[in-house]
Structure formats: structure tokens, C-alpha cells
Amino acid sequence: MTVFAEPTTLSSPHVRLEPLTLAHHDDLVAAVRDGELWQLWYTAIPTPEGMAAEIERRLQLQTQGSMCPFAVIDPATGQAVGMTTYMNIDATHRRVEIGSTWYRKSLQRSPLNTEAKRLLLAHAFEQLQCIAVEFRTHFFNQQSRRAIERLGAKLDGILRSHQINTHPLGAGALRDTCVYSIIATEWPNVRTHLDFQLSRTRTEEPRPC
């Protein structure tokens, strides 16, 4: 079977994305405990006890060709500090979604997220020849929505009552999903925008301890 998005390693000064494996488990458990991220009701982040099952779930979707999961590595420590994926992969129409992403709280406002997205977008548009890259997030996940918009993605629309929330704090609530995208013709300007953002961040903002 031909795989559209083969596992690969992507690197930049502040982040390395490498194919997810069970060997990342302990680092990811430590990362998710930073801020108790699984408590956020408007997103789906694994608990420490559920981390192994989540890694296996993502790897199973990889074998089916619908996901390409990455461990997010902090080059300064060599430790995994989060997860991200290409998901809902549509090889026929050369589209992917970047999602199922989370980082430990202490790194959420560092250059790591922007550089990770820059790597994933460049690989999608320049190597995979995608015609569009999509992002989806909960209507109430304002931090995620701002981060997606800062990338240069545009809001395609809102899928109202899209999913049923299973998080204990909001169980049964209906989720409105915001759908954003960047299309191939927009990528050159988005790339320039991201490179400008990163050049300013590296010279003006100290990295959190």
C-alpha cells in the first residue's frame, strides 16, 4: 500500500518532530502533568494513565493511512514535550489536517508551536504537494483559535453541534467546531509571515525556563 504521508523527522532550531513511538511514553506522561492538561473540557488530551492507549490509538490510525503522528521534541533537553499529527489524510485529494496537538504548559508560549507548524506546513505543501491544510478546534478553545489565526489560516466556517463532548466536565454538551484552512496558493505568503514572526521571536523574546 502506498502511504501518502510517510513517517519522517522534521527539525528546526527550537523543535524536532519525530515519528511517535511507545518509547516516548514516559516523557509524554511528564509533559501532560505540566498544567494537568487533561482537565481542559473543550479539548481531548490524554490523562497520564491513558497515555499508552492514546499512543497506540494514533499508531493504529497510522497503519490505516489516516494519520501520521509525531512526538514533539525539545532539542534543548531531548525530551518529548507534546504530540501533533497529520490526520484525516485524504491522499486522493491531497489534503491533510494538522491536529490532535498539545504541548506541556511551560512551552505553550515559546517559539516551539510556531516552528512546529512551520515544519508541518512546509512538508505538506512542498513535499506532499497538498492543495490544502486544515485546522479544527472547539469554538470555546480561544487559545487554539488565536494560535491558528496567527499562522495565517482563514476560517472556512463553523460546524454547529458537530460532536458530543465526552469530557467529564462537559459530558453530553454539543461541540461547535471551527474549521480553518490554508490553501496551496496562500502558502508562499504564509511562509514569509511565519519566517518573519520567528525571526522577531528569536531576537526579542527569551525562552521560558
N, C-alpha and C. Protein backbone atom coordinates (compact mmCIF):
# COMPACT_ATOMS: atom_id res chain seq x y z
N MET A 1 0.85 -1.19 0.00
CA MET A 1 0.00 0.00 0.00
C MET A 1 0.88 1.24 0.00
N THR A 2 0.59 2.17 -0.90
CA THR A 2 1.32 3.42 -0.95
C THR A 2 0.82 4.34 0.16
N VAL A 3 1.77 4.87 0.94
CA VAL A 3 1.42 5.75 2.05
C VAL A 3 1.65 7.19 1.62
N PHE A 4 0.61 8.02 1.76
CA PHE A 4 0.70 9.41 1.33
C PHE A 4 1.66 10.20 2.22
N ALA A 5 1.51 10.07 3.52
CA ALA A 5 2.35 10.80 4.48
C ALA A 5 3.19 9.80 5.26
N GLU A 6 4.37 9.52 4.76
CA GLU A 6 5.28 8.58 5.41
C GLU A 6 5.84 9.17 6.70
N PRO A 7 6.05 8.35 7.75
CA PRO A 7 6.72 8.86 8.96
C PRO A 7 8.08 9.46 8.60
N THR A 8 8.36 10.62 9.15
CA THR A 8 9.60 11.32 8.85
C THR A 8 9.97 12.20 10.03
N THR A 9 11.21 12.66 10.08
CA THR A 9 11.66 13.57 11.13
C THR A 9 11.85 14.96 10.53
N LEU A 10 11.29 15.96 11.20
CA LEU A 10 11.38 17.35 10.76
C LEU A 10 12.03 18.16 11.87
N SER A 11 13.00 19.01 11.53
CA SER A 11 13.77 19.71 12.56
C SER A 11 13.91 21.19 12.26
N SER A 12 13.98 21.99 13.34
CA SER A 12 14.30 23.41 13.27
C SER A 12 14.99 23.78 14.59
N PRO A 13 15.42 25.03 14.77
CA PRO A 13 16.21 25.36 15.97
C PRO A 13 15.52 25.06 17.30
N HIS A 14 14.20 25.27 17.39
CA HIS A 14 13.53 25.14 18.68
C HIS A 14 12.70 23.88 18.83
N VAL A 15 12.59 23.07 17.80
CA VAL A 15 11.74 21.89 17.89
C VAL A 15 12.18 20.81 16.90
N ARG A 16 11.95 19.57 17.29
CA ARG A 16 12.14 18.43 16.39
C ARG A 16 10.87 17.60 16.44
N LEU A 17 10.35 17.25 15.30
CA LEU A 17 9.19 16.36 15.20
C LEU A 17 9.68 15.01 14.70
N GLU A 18 9.48 13.98 15.49
CA GLU A 18 9.93 12.66 15.08
C GLU A 18 8.77 11.68 15.19
N PRO A 19 8.81 10.60 14.39
CA PRO A 19 7.71 9.64 14.41
C PRO A 19 7.41 9.14 15.82
N LEU A 20 6.15 9.20 16.20
CA LEU A 20 5.72 8.79 17.53
C LEU A 20 5.91 7.30 17.73
N THR A 21 6.42 6.91 18.91
CA THR A 21 6.54 5.51 19.29
C THR A 21 6.21 5.38 20.77
N LEU A 22 6.06 4.17 21.23
CA LEU A 22 5.80 3.93 22.66
C LEU A 22 7.00 4.32 23.52
N ALA A 23 8.17 4.47 22.90
CA ALA A 23 9.36 4.90 23.65
C ALA A 23 9.20 6.33 24.18
N HIS A 24 8.29 7.10 23.63
CA HIS A 24 8.05 8.47 24.09
C HIS A 24 7.13 8.52 25.30
N HIS A 25 6.60 7.40 25.72
CA HIS A 25 5.54 7.36 26.72
C HIS A 25 5.88 8.13 28.00
N ASP A 26 7.01 7.83 28.62
CA ASP A 26 7.32 8.43 29.93
C ASP A 26 7.49 9.94 29.83
N ASP A 27 8.16 10.40 28.78
CA ASP A 27 8.30 11.85 28.59
C ASP A 27 6.94 12.52 28.42
N LEU A 28 6.06 11.88 27.69
CA LEU A 28 4.75 12.47 27.43
C LEU A 28 3.88 12.48 28.69
N VAL A 29 4.02 11.48 29.53
CA VAL A 29 3.31 11.48 30.81
C VAL A 29 3.76 12.67 31.65
N ALA A 30 5.07 12.90 31.71
CA ALA A 30 5.60 14.04 32.46
C ALA A 30 5.11 15.35 31.85
N ALA A 31 5.05 15.40 30.51
CA ALA A 31 4.64 16.62 29.83
C ALA A 31 3.18 16.96 30.11
N VAL A 32 2.31 15.96 30.07
CA VAL A 32 0.88 16.23 30.24
C VAL A 32 0.56 16.61 31.69
N ARG A 33 1.42 16.21 32.62
CA ARG A 33 1.22 16.60 34.02
C ARG A 33 1.57 18.06 34.25
N ASP A 34 2.34 18.65 33.34
CA ASP A 34 2.68 20.07 33.44
C ASP A 34 1.45 20.88 33.06
N GLY A 35 0.68 21.29 34.05
CA GLY A 35 -0.54 22.03 33.80
C GLY A 35 -1.80 21.19 33.85
N GLU A 36 -1.64 19.87 34.11
CA GLU A 36 -2.79 18.96 34.16
C GLU A 36 -3.70 19.20 32.96
N LEU A 37 -3.12 19.04 31.78
CA LEU A 37 -3.79 19.45 30.55
C LEU A 37 -5.07 18.68 30.26
N TRP A 38 -5.18 17.47 30.78
CA TRP A 38 -6.36 16.65 30.51
C TRP A 38 -7.61 17.23 31.19
N GLN A 39 -7.43 18.23 32.07
CA GLN A 39 -8.58 18.83 32.75
C GLN A 39 -9.35 19.80 31.85
N LEU A 40 -8.76 20.21 30.73
CA LEU A 40 -9.42 21.17 29.85
C LEU A 40 -10.63 20.51 29.17
N TRP A 41 -11.82 21.01 29.46
CA TRP A 41 -13.04 20.33 29.00
C TRP A 41 -13.29 20.48 27.51
N TYR A 42 -12.71 21.52 26.87
CA TYR A 42 -13.01 21.81 25.48
C TYR A 42 -12.02 21.19 24.49
N THR A 43 -11.15 20.31 24.98
CA THR A 43 -10.22 19.64 24.09
C THR A 43 -10.02 18.22 24.58
N ALA A 44 -9.37 17.38 23.78
CA ALA A 44 -9.17 15.98 24.14
C ALA A 44 -7.69 15.70 24.28
N ILE A 45 -7.20 15.73 25.51
CA ILE A 45 -5.79 15.47 25.82
C ILE A 45 -5.73 14.28 26.76
N PRO A 46 -4.87 13.32 26.50
CA PRO A 46 -4.86 12.09 27.30
C PRO A 46 -4.43 12.34 28.74
N THR A 47 -4.97 11.54 29.63
CA THR A 47 -4.53 11.54 31.02
C THR A 47 -3.20 10.80 31.11
N PRO A 48 -2.46 10.97 32.21
CA PRO A 48 -1.23 10.18 32.36
C PRO A 48 -1.50 8.68 32.25
N GLU A 49 -2.60 8.22 32.86
CA GLU A 49 -2.92 6.80 32.84
C GLU A 49 -3.35 6.32 31.45
N GLY A 50 -3.85 7.24 30.63
CA GLY A 50 -4.33 6.86 29.31
C GLY A 50 -3.33 7.12 28.19
N MET A 51 -2.10 7.53 28.53
CA MET A 51 -1.13 7.91 27.51
C MET A 51 -0.76 6.74 26.60
N ALA A 52 -0.50 5.56 27.18
CA ALA A 52 -0.11 4.41 26.35
C ALA A 52 -1.21 4.07 25.35
N ALA A 53 -2.47 4.10 25.82
CA ALA A 53 -3.59 3.79 24.93
C ALA A 53 -3.70 4.83 23.82
N GLU A 54 -3.43 6.10 24.14
CA GLU A 54 -3.51 7.15 23.12
C GLU A 54 -2.41 6.99 22.09
N ILE A 55 -1.20 6.65 22.53
CA ILE A 55 -0.12 6.41 21.57
C ILE A 55 -0.50 5.24 20.66
N GLU A 56 -1.01 4.17 21.23
CA GLU A 56 -1.39 3.00 20.42
C GLU A 56 -2.52 3.35 19.46
N ARG A 57 -3.48 4.18 19.90
CA ARG A 57 -4.57 4.59 19.02
C ARG A 57 -4.03 5.34 17.80
N ARG A 58 -3.10 6.26 18.04
CA ARG A 58 -2.55 7.03 16.93
C ARG A 58 -1.73 6.14 16.00
N LEU A 59 -1.00 5.21 16.56
CA LEU A 59 -0.20 4.31 15.72
C LEU A 59 -1.10 3.38 14.90
N GLN A 60 -2.24 2.99 15.47
CA GLN A 60 -3.19 2.16 14.72
C GLN A 60 -3.77 2.94 13.54
N LEU A 61 -4.11 4.21 13.76
CA LEU A 61 -4.60 5.04 12.67
C LEU A 61 -3.52 5.25 11.60
N GLN A 62 -2.26 5.26 12.04
CA GLN A 62 -1.16 5.35 11.07
C GLN A 62 -1.13 4.13 10.16
N THR A 63 -1.34 2.95 10.73
CA THR A 63 -1.33 1.74 9.90
C THR A 63 -2.49 1.75 8.90
N GLN A 64 -3.56 2.46 9.21
CA GLN A 64 -4.71 2.56 8.32
C GLN A 64 -4.55 3.66 7.28
N GLY A 65 -3.49 4.47 7.40
CA GLY A 65 -3.22 5.52 6.43
C GLY A 65 -3.96 6.81 6.66
N SER A 66 -4.67 6.95 7.81
CA SER A 66 -5.44 8.16 8.04
C SER A 66 -4.75 9.14 8.97
N MET A 67 -3.62 8.76 9.56
CA MET A 67 -2.90 9.64 10.48
C MET A 67 -1.40 9.40 10.37
N CYS A 68 -0.64 10.48 10.57
CA CYS A 68 0.82 10.39 10.66
C CYS A 68 1.21 11.13 11.94
N PRO A 69 1.41 10.40 13.07
CA PRO A 69 1.63 11.05 14.36
C PRO A 69 3.10 11.34 14.64
N PHE A 70 3.32 12.45 15.34
CA PHE A 70 4.67 12.88 15.71
C PHE A 70 4.76 13.09 17.22
N ALA A 71 5.93 12.80 17.78
CA ALA A 71 6.29 13.30 19.10
C ALA A 71 7.00 14.63 18.91
N VAL A 72 6.65 15.61 19.72
CA VAL A 72 7.26 16.93 19.66
C VAL A 72 8.42 16.95 20.66
N ILE A 73 9.63 17.14 20.15
CA ILE A 73 10.84 17.05 20.97
C ILE A 73 11.44 18.43 21.19
N ASP A 74 11.79 18.72 22.44
CA ASP A 74 12.53 19.94 22.76
C ASP A 74 14.02 19.64 22.57
N PRO A 75 14.68 20.22 21.56
CA PRO A 75 16.09 19.90 21.32
C PRO A 75 17.00 20.24 22.50
N ALA A 76 16.59 21.20 23.34
CA ALA A 76 17.42 21.59 24.48
C ALA A 76 17.56 20.47 25.50
N THR A 77 16.53 19.62 25.60
CA THR A 77 16.54 18.53 26.59
C THR A 77 16.54 17.16 25.96
N GLY A 78 16.12 17.08 24.68
CA GLY A 78 15.96 15.79 24.03
C GLY A 78 14.70 15.06 24.46
N GLN A 79 13.84 15.71 25.23
CA GLN A 79 12.64 15.06 25.75
C GLN A 79 11.42 15.39 24.90
N ALA A 80 10.48 14.45 24.85
CA ALA A 80 9.20 14.70 24.20
C ALA A 80 8.37 15.61 25.09
N VAL A 81 7.83 16.67 24.52
CA VAL A 81 7.07 17.67 25.29
C VAL A 81 5.64 17.80 24.79
N GLY A 82 5.24 16.95 23.86
CA GLY A 82 3.89 17.01 23.34
C GLY A 82 3.73 16.11 22.13
N MET A 83 2.57 16.22 21.50
CA MET A 83 2.24 15.40 20.33
C MET A 83 1.55 16.27 19.28
N THR A 84 1.68 15.88 18.02
CA THR A 84 0.94 16.51 16.94
C THR A 84 0.79 15.49 15.83
N THR A 85 -0.09 15.78 14.86
CA THR A 85 -0.31 14.80 13.79
C THR A 85 -0.72 15.48 12.49
N TYR A 86 -0.49 14.74 11.40
CA TYR A 86 -1.30 14.90 10.20
C TYR A 86 -2.45 13.91 10.40
N MET A 87 -3.68 14.38 10.25
CA MET A 87 -4.82 13.50 10.47
C MET A 87 -5.87 13.72 9.38
N ASN A 88 -6.88 12.85 9.37
CA ASN A 88 -7.89 12.90 8.31
C ASN A 88 -7.23 13.05 6.94
N ILE A 89 -6.20 12.24 6.73
CA ILE A 89 -5.42 12.31 5.50
C ILE A 89 -6.27 11.87 4.31
N ASP A 90 -6.31 12.72 3.30
CA ASP A 90 -7.05 12.43 2.07
C ASP A 90 -6.05 12.40 0.93
N ALA A 91 -5.52 11.21 0.64
CA ALA A 91 -4.48 11.08 -0.37
C ALA A 91 -5.01 11.39 -1.77
N THR A 92 -6.26 11.04 -2.03
CA THR A 92 -6.83 11.27 -3.35
C THR A 92 -6.85 12.74 -3.71
N HIS A 93 -7.25 13.56 -2.74
CA HIS A 93 -7.37 14.99 -2.99
C HIS A 93 -6.23 15.80 -2.37
N ARG A 94 -5.22 15.10 -1.88
CA ARG A 94 -4.00 15.72 -1.35
C ARG A 94 -4.33 16.80 -0.31
N ARG A 95 -5.06 16.39 0.71
CA ARG A 95 -5.43 17.27 1.82
C ARG A 95 -5.07 16.57 3.13
N VAL A 96 -4.63 17.35 4.10
CA VAL A 96 -4.41 16.83 5.46
C VAL A 96 -4.92 17.86 6.46
N GLU A 97 -5.21 17.38 7.64
CA GLU A 97 -5.49 18.26 8.77
C GLU A 97 -4.33 18.16 9.74
N ILE A 98 -3.88 19.29 10.27
CA ILE A 98 -2.90 19.31 11.36
C ILE A 98 -3.69 19.44 12.65
N GLY A 99 -3.58 18.44 13.52
CA GLY A 99 -4.39 18.48 14.72
C GLY A 99 -3.97 17.45 15.75
N SER A 100 -4.88 17.22 16.73
CA SER A 100 -4.59 16.36 17.88
C SER A 100 -3.25 16.79 18.50
N THR A 101 -3.09 18.10 18.64
CA THR A 101 -1.83 18.70 19.09
C THR A 101 -1.95 19.20 20.53
N TRP A 102 -0.93 18.91 21.31
CA TRP A 102 -0.82 19.52 22.64
C TRP A 102 0.65 19.59 23.03
N TYR A 103 0.98 20.57 23.88
CA TYR A 103 2.34 20.74 24.41
C TYR A 103 2.26 20.98 25.91
N ARG A 104 3.32 20.63 26.61
CA ARG A 104 3.34 20.91 28.04
C ARG A 104 3.17 22.41 28.27
N LYS A 105 2.55 22.77 29.37
CA LYS A 105 2.14 24.16 29.60
C LYS A 105 3.32 25.13 29.57
N SER A 106 4.47 24.73 30.13
CA SER A 106 5.61 25.64 30.24
C SER A 106 6.19 26.03 28.88
N LEU A 107 5.81 25.33 27.81
CA LEU A 107 6.34 25.65 26.48
C LEU A 107 5.27 26.20 25.54
N GLN A 108 4.06 26.41 26.03
CA GLN A 108 2.98 26.78 25.13
C GLN A 108 3.13 28.18 24.55
N ARG A 109 3.87 29.06 25.18
CA ARG A 109 4.05 30.41 24.64
C ARG A 109 5.49 30.66 24.17
N SER A 110 6.16 29.58 23.86
CA SER A 110 7.51 29.67 23.32
C SER A 110 7.44 29.58 21.80
N PRO A 111 8.57 29.74 21.09
CA PRO A 111 8.56 29.61 19.62
C PRO A 111 8.27 28.19 19.15
N LEU A 112 8.21 27.24 20.06
CA LEU A 112 8.07 25.83 19.68
C LEU A 112 6.84 25.58 18.81
N ASN A 113 5.68 26.13 19.18
CA ASN A 113 4.46 25.85 18.42
C ASN A 113 4.55 26.40 17.00
N THR A 114 5.00 27.65 16.87
CA THR A 114 5.09 28.25 15.54
C THR A 114 6.06 27.48 14.66
N GLU A 115 7.20 27.09 15.22
CA GLU A 115 8.17 26.34 14.43
C GLU A 115 7.64 24.96 14.05
N ALA A 116 6.91 24.32 14.97
CA ALA A 116 6.34 23.01 14.65
C ALA A 116 5.35 23.13 13.50
N LYS A 117 4.48 24.15 13.56
CA LYS A 117 3.51 24.34 12.48
C LYS A 117 4.22 24.70 11.18
N ARG A 118 5.28 25.51 11.28
CA ARG A 118 6.05 25.87 10.07
C ARG A 118 6.61 24.62 9.40
N LEU A 119 7.14 23.71 10.20
CA LEU A 119 7.69 22.46 9.66
C LEU A 119 6.61 21.62 9.00
N LEU A 120 5.48 21.47 9.69
CA LEU A 120 4.41 20.63 9.17
C LEU A 120 3.80 21.21 7.89
N LEU A 121 3.62 22.53 7.88
CA LEU A 121 3.06 23.16 6.69
C LEU A 121 4.02 23.06 5.50
N ALA A 122 5.30 23.32 5.74
CA ALA A 122 6.28 23.23 4.65
C ALA A 122 6.32 21.83 4.07
N HIS A 123 6.33 20.82 4.94
CA HIS A 123 6.37 19.44 4.45
C HIS A 123 5.10 19.12 3.66
N ALA A 124 3.94 19.58 4.18
CA ALA A 124 2.68 19.29 3.50
C ALA A 124 2.62 19.92 2.11
N PHE A 125 3.00 21.18 2.01
CA PHE A 125 2.87 21.88 0.74
C PHE A 125 4.03 21.60 -0.22
N GLU A 126 5.24 21.45 0.32
CA GLU A 126 6.42 21.36 -0.54
C GLU A 126 6.84 19.94 -0.86
N GLN A 127 6.60 19.00 0.05
CA GLN A 127 6.94 17.61 -0.23
C GLN A 127 5.72 16.77 -0.60
N LEU A 128 4.62 16.93 0.14
CA LEU A 128 3.43 16.14 -0.15
C LEU A 128 2.57 16.76 -1.24
N GLN A 129 2.88 18.00 -1.60
CA GLN A 129 2.14 18.71 -2.65
C GLN A 129 0.65 18.81 -2.33
N CYS A 130 0.34 19.11 -1.08
CA CYS A 130 -1.05 19.26 -0.67
C CYS A 130 -1.68 20.48 -1.34
N ILE A 131 -2.98 20.36 -1.61
CA ILE A 131 -3.70 21.52 -2.14
C ILE A 131 -4.30 22.36 -1.03
N ALA A 132 -4.42 21.76 0.18
CA ALA A 132 -4.94 22.50 1.33
C ALA A 132 -4.54 21.78 2.60
N VAL A 133 -4.35 22.56 3.66
CA VAL A 133 -4.10 22.04 5.00
C VAL A 133 -5.16 22.64 5.92
N GLU A 134 -5.78 21.78 6.71
CA GLU A 134 -6.91 22.18 7.54
C GLU A 134 -6.54 22.16 9.02
N PHE A 135 -7.23 22.99 9.80
CA PHE A 135 -7.12 23.00 11.26
C PHE A 135 -8.54 23.04 11.81
N ARG A 136 -8.79 22.28 12.88
CA ARG A 136 -10.11 22.30 13.52
C ARG A 136 -9.92 22.45 15.03
N THR A 137 -10.82 23.20 15.64
CA THR A 137 -10.75 23.37 17.09
C THR A 137 -12.12 23.71 17.64
N HIS A 138 -12.29 23.51 18.93
CA HIS A 138 -13.54 23.81 19.62
C HIS A 138 -13.81 25.31 19.59
N PHE A 139 -15.05 25.70 19.40
CA PHE A 139 -15.43 27.12 19.39
C PHE A 139 -14.93 27.84 20.63
N PHE A 140 -14.94 27.17 21.80
CA PHE A 140 -14.53 27.81 23.04
C PHE A 140 -13.04 27.70 23.33
N ASN A 141 -12.29 27.06 22.46
CA ASN A 141 -10.84 26.96 22.67
C ASN A 141 -10.19 28.22 22.09
N GLN A 142 -10.32 29.33 22.82
CA GLN A 142 -9.87 30.62 22.30
C GLN A 142 -8.36 30.66 22.09
N GLN A 143 -7.60 29.99 22.96
CA GLN A 143 -6.14 29.98 22.79
C GLN A 143 -5.76 29.30 21.49
N SER A 144 -6.40 28.17 21.19
CA SER A 144 -6.12 27.46 19.95
C SER A 144 -6.56 28.28 18.74
N ARG A 145 -7.71 28.90 18.82
CA ARG A 145 -8.20 29.69 17.69
C ARG A 145 -7.26 30.86 17.39
N ARG A 146 -6.79 31.54 18.42
CA ARG A 146 -5.85 32.65 18.20
C ARG A 146 -4.55 32.16 17.59
N ALA A 147 -4.08 31.00 18.07
CA ALA A 147 -2.82 30.46 17.53
C ALA A 147 -2.97 30.08 16.06
N ILE A 148 -4.11 29.49 15.70
CA ILE A 148 -4.35 29.11 14.31
C ILE A 148 -4.43 30.36 13.43
N GLU A 149 -5.12 31.38 13.91
CA GLU A 149 -5.26 32.61 13.13
C GLU A 149 -3.92 33.32 12.97
N ARG A 150 -3.07 33.24 14.00
CA ARG A 150 -1.74 33.86 13.88
C ARG A 150 -0.90 33.19 12.80
N LEU A 151 -1.18 31.93 12.51
CA LEU A 151 -0.45 31.24 11.45
C LEU A 151 -0.78 31.82 10.07
N GLY A 152 -1.96 32.41 9.96
CA GLY A 152 -2.42 32.90 8.67
C GLY A 152 -3.54 32.08 8.09
N ALA A 153 -4.05 31.09 8.84
CA ALA A 153 -5.17 30.29 8.38
C ALA A 153 -6.45 31.12 8.40
N LYS A 154 -7.37 30.80 7.50
CA LYS A 154 -8.63 31.52 7.40
C LYS A 154 -9.78 30.62 7.85
N LEU A 155 -10.76 31.23 8.49
CA LEU A 155 -11.91 30.49 8.97
C LEU A 155 -12.82 30.13 7.80
N ASP A 156 -12.97 28.82 7.55
CA ASP A 156 -13.88 28.37 6.50
C ASP A 156 -15.33 28.37 6.97
N GLY A 157 -15.52 28.10 8.27
CA GLY A 157 -16.86 28.07 8.80
C GLY A 157 -16.90 27.35 10.14
N ILE A 158 -18.11 27.27 10.70
CA ILE A 158 -18.30 26.61 11.99
C ILE A 158 -19.30 25.48 11.82
N LEU A 159 -18.87 24.27 12.18
CA LEU A 159 -19.76 23.11 12.14
C LEU A 159 -20.51 23.08 13.46
N ARG A 160 -21.77 23.47 13.43
CA ARG A 160 -22.54 23.60 14.65
C ARG A 160 -23.07 22.24 15.09
N SER A 161 -23.06 22.01 16.44
CA SER A 161 -23.46 20.71 17.00
C SER A 161 -22.75 19.58 16.26
N HIS A 162 -21.45 19.76 16.12
CA HIS A 162 -20.65 18.83 15.31
C HIS A 162 -20.36 17.52 16.03
N GLN A 163 -20.08 17.60 17.34
CA GLN A 163 -19.72 16.41 18.10
C GLN A 163 -20.31 16.49 19.50
N ILE A 164 -20.39 15.33 20.14
CA ILE A 164 -20.86 15.25 21.52
C ILE A 164 -19.65 15.17 22.44
N ASN A 165 -19.54 16.09 23.37
CA ASN A 165 -18.39 16.14 24.29
C ASN A 165 -18.43 14.96 25.24
N THR A 166 -17.28 14.29 25.38
CA THR A 166 -17.20 13.14 26.30
C THR A 166 -16.38 13.45 27.54
N HIS A 167 -15.81 14.67 27.62
CA HIS A 167 -15.02 15.03 28.80
C HIS A 167 -15.93 15.09 30.01
N PRO A 168 -15.49 14.58 31.18
CA PRO A 168 -16.35 14.57 32.38
C PRO A 168 -16.91 15.94 32.75
N LEU A 169 -16.13 17.02 32.51
CA LEU A 169 -16.60 18.35 32.89
C LEU A 169 -17.66 18.91 31.95
N GLY A 170 -17.77 18.32 30.77
CA GLY A 170 -18.76 18.82 29.82
C GLY A 170 -19.47 17.70 29.10
N ALA A 171 -19.57 16.56 29.76
CA ALA A 171 -20.14 15.37 29.13
C ALA A 171 -21.54 15.64 28.59
N GLY A 172 -21.75 15.27 27.33
CA GLY A 172 -23.05 15.43 26.72
C GLY A 172 -23.25 16.76 26.03
N ALA A 173 -22.40 17.75 26.32
CA ALA A 173 -22.52 19.05 25.64
C ALA A 173 -22.18 18.89 24.17
N LEU A 174 -22.81 19.69 23.33
CA LEU A 174 -22.56 19.63 21.90
C LEU A 174 -21.45 20.60 21.53
N ARG A 175 -20.50 20.11 20.77
CA ARG A 175 -19.34 20.91 20.36
C ARG A 175 -19.58 21.57 19.02
N ASP A 176 -19.37 22.88 18.97
CA ASP A 176 -19.28 23.61 17.70
C ASP A 176 -17.81 23.62 17.29
N THR A 177 -17.51 23.16 16.08
CA THR A 177 -16.14 23.04 15.62
C THR A 177 -15.81 24.12 14.59
N CYS A 178 -14.77 24.91 14.88
CA CYS A 178 -14.29 25.93 13.94
C CYS A 178 -13.32 25.28 12.97
N VAL A 179 -13.57 25.45 11.68
CA VAL A 179 -12.74 24.86 10.63
C VAL A 179 -11.96 25.96 9.93
N TYR A 180 -10.65 25.84 9.95
CA TYR A 180 -9.75 26.79 9.30
C TYR A 180 -8.95 26.06 8.22
N SER A 181 -8.41 26.81 7.27
CA SER A 181 -7.52 26.18 6.29
C SER A 181 -6.54 27.19 5.72
N ILE A 182 -5.47 26.63 5.18
CA ILE A 182 -4.50 27.35 4.34
C ILE A 182 -4.46 26.58 3.03
N ILE A 183 -4.61 27.26 1.91
CA ILE A 183 -4.56 26.58 0.62
C ILE A 183 -3.20 26.82 -0.04
N ALA A 184 -2.90 26.00 -1.03
CA ALA A 184 -1.55 25.99 -1.61
C ALA A 184 -1.13 27.35 -2.14
N THR A 185 -2.04 28.08 -2.76
CA THR A 185 -1.67 29.38 -3.33
C THR A 185 -1.35 30.40 -2.25
N GLU A 186 -1.82 30.16 -1.02
CA GLU A 186 -1.54 31.08 0.09
C GLU A 186 -0.22 30.76 0.79
N TRP A 187 0.30 29.55 0.56
CA TRP A 187 1.47 29.11 1.31
C TRP A 187 2.68 30.04 1.18
N PRO A 188 3.05 30.55 0.00
CA PRO A 188 4.23 31.43 -0.05
C PRO A 188 4.12 32.64 0.88
N ASN A 189 2.95 33.28 0.93
CA ASN A 189 2.79 34.43 1.82
C ASN A 189 2.75 34.00 3.29
N VAL A 190 2.10 32.87 3.57
CA VAL A 190 2.07 32.37 4.95
C VAL A 190 3.48 32.02 5.40
N ARG A 191 4.25 31.39 4.53
CA ARG A 191 5.64 31.04 4.87
C ARG A 191 6.46 32.28 5.20
N THR A 192 6.33 33.32 4.39
CA THR A 192 7.04 34.57 4.66
C THR A 192 6.61 35.17 6.00
N HIS A 193 5.31 35.13 6.25
CA HIS A 193 4.76 35.65 7.51
C HIS A 193 5.31 34.88 8.71
N LEU A 194 5.35 33.56 8.63
CA LEU A 194 5.85 32.75 9.74
C LEU A 194 7.34 32.97 9.96
N ASP A 195 8.09 33.05 8.86
CA ASP A 195 9.53 33.29 9.00
C ASP A 195 9.80 34.65 9.64
N PHE A 196 9.00 35.65 9.29
CA PHE A 196 9.14 36.98 9.91
C PHE A 196 8.82 36.90 11.40
N GLN A 197 7.72 36.22 11.76
CA GLN A 197 7.36 36.06 13.16
C GLN A 197 8.49 35.39 13.94
N LEU A 198 9.03 34.33 13.37
CA LEU A 198 10.06 33.57 14.07
C LEU A 198 11.35 34.37 14.19
N SER A 199 11.69 35.16 13.19
CA SER A 199 12.92 35.96 13.27
C SER A 199 12.80 36.99 14.40
N ARG A 200 11.61 37.54 14.60
CA ARG A 200 11.40 38.50 15.69
C ARG A 200 11.40 37.80 17.05
N THR A 201 10.77 36.65 17.10
CA THR A 201 10.68 35.92 18.37
C THR A 201 12.06 35.52 18.85
N ARG A 202 12.90 35.07 17.94
CA ARG A 202 14.24 34.58 18.35
C ARG A 202 15.10 35.71 18.87
N THR A 203 14.86 36.96 18.41
CA THR A 203 15.71 38.05 18.84
C THR A 203 15.11 38.87 19.99
N GLU A 204 13.76 38.77 20.17
CA GLU A 204 13.12 39.65 21.12
C GLU A 204 12.58 38.96 22.36
N GLU A 205 12.23 37.67 22.28
CA GLU A 205 11.57 37.03 23.38
C GLU A 205 12.45 35.93 23.98
N PRO A 206 12.81 36.04 25.27
CA PRO A 206 13.58 34.98 25.91
C PRO A 206 12.74 33.72 26.03
N ARG A 207 13.39 32.58 25.95
CA ARG A 207 12.71 31.31 26.06
C ARG A 207 12.38 31.02 27.52
N PRO A 208 11.17 30.52 27.82
CA PRO A 208 10.84 30.23 29.21
C PRO A 208 11.73 29.15 29.80
N CYS A 209 11.94 29.23 31.10
CA CYS A 209 12.77 28.23 31.78
C CYS A 209 11.97 26.96 32.00
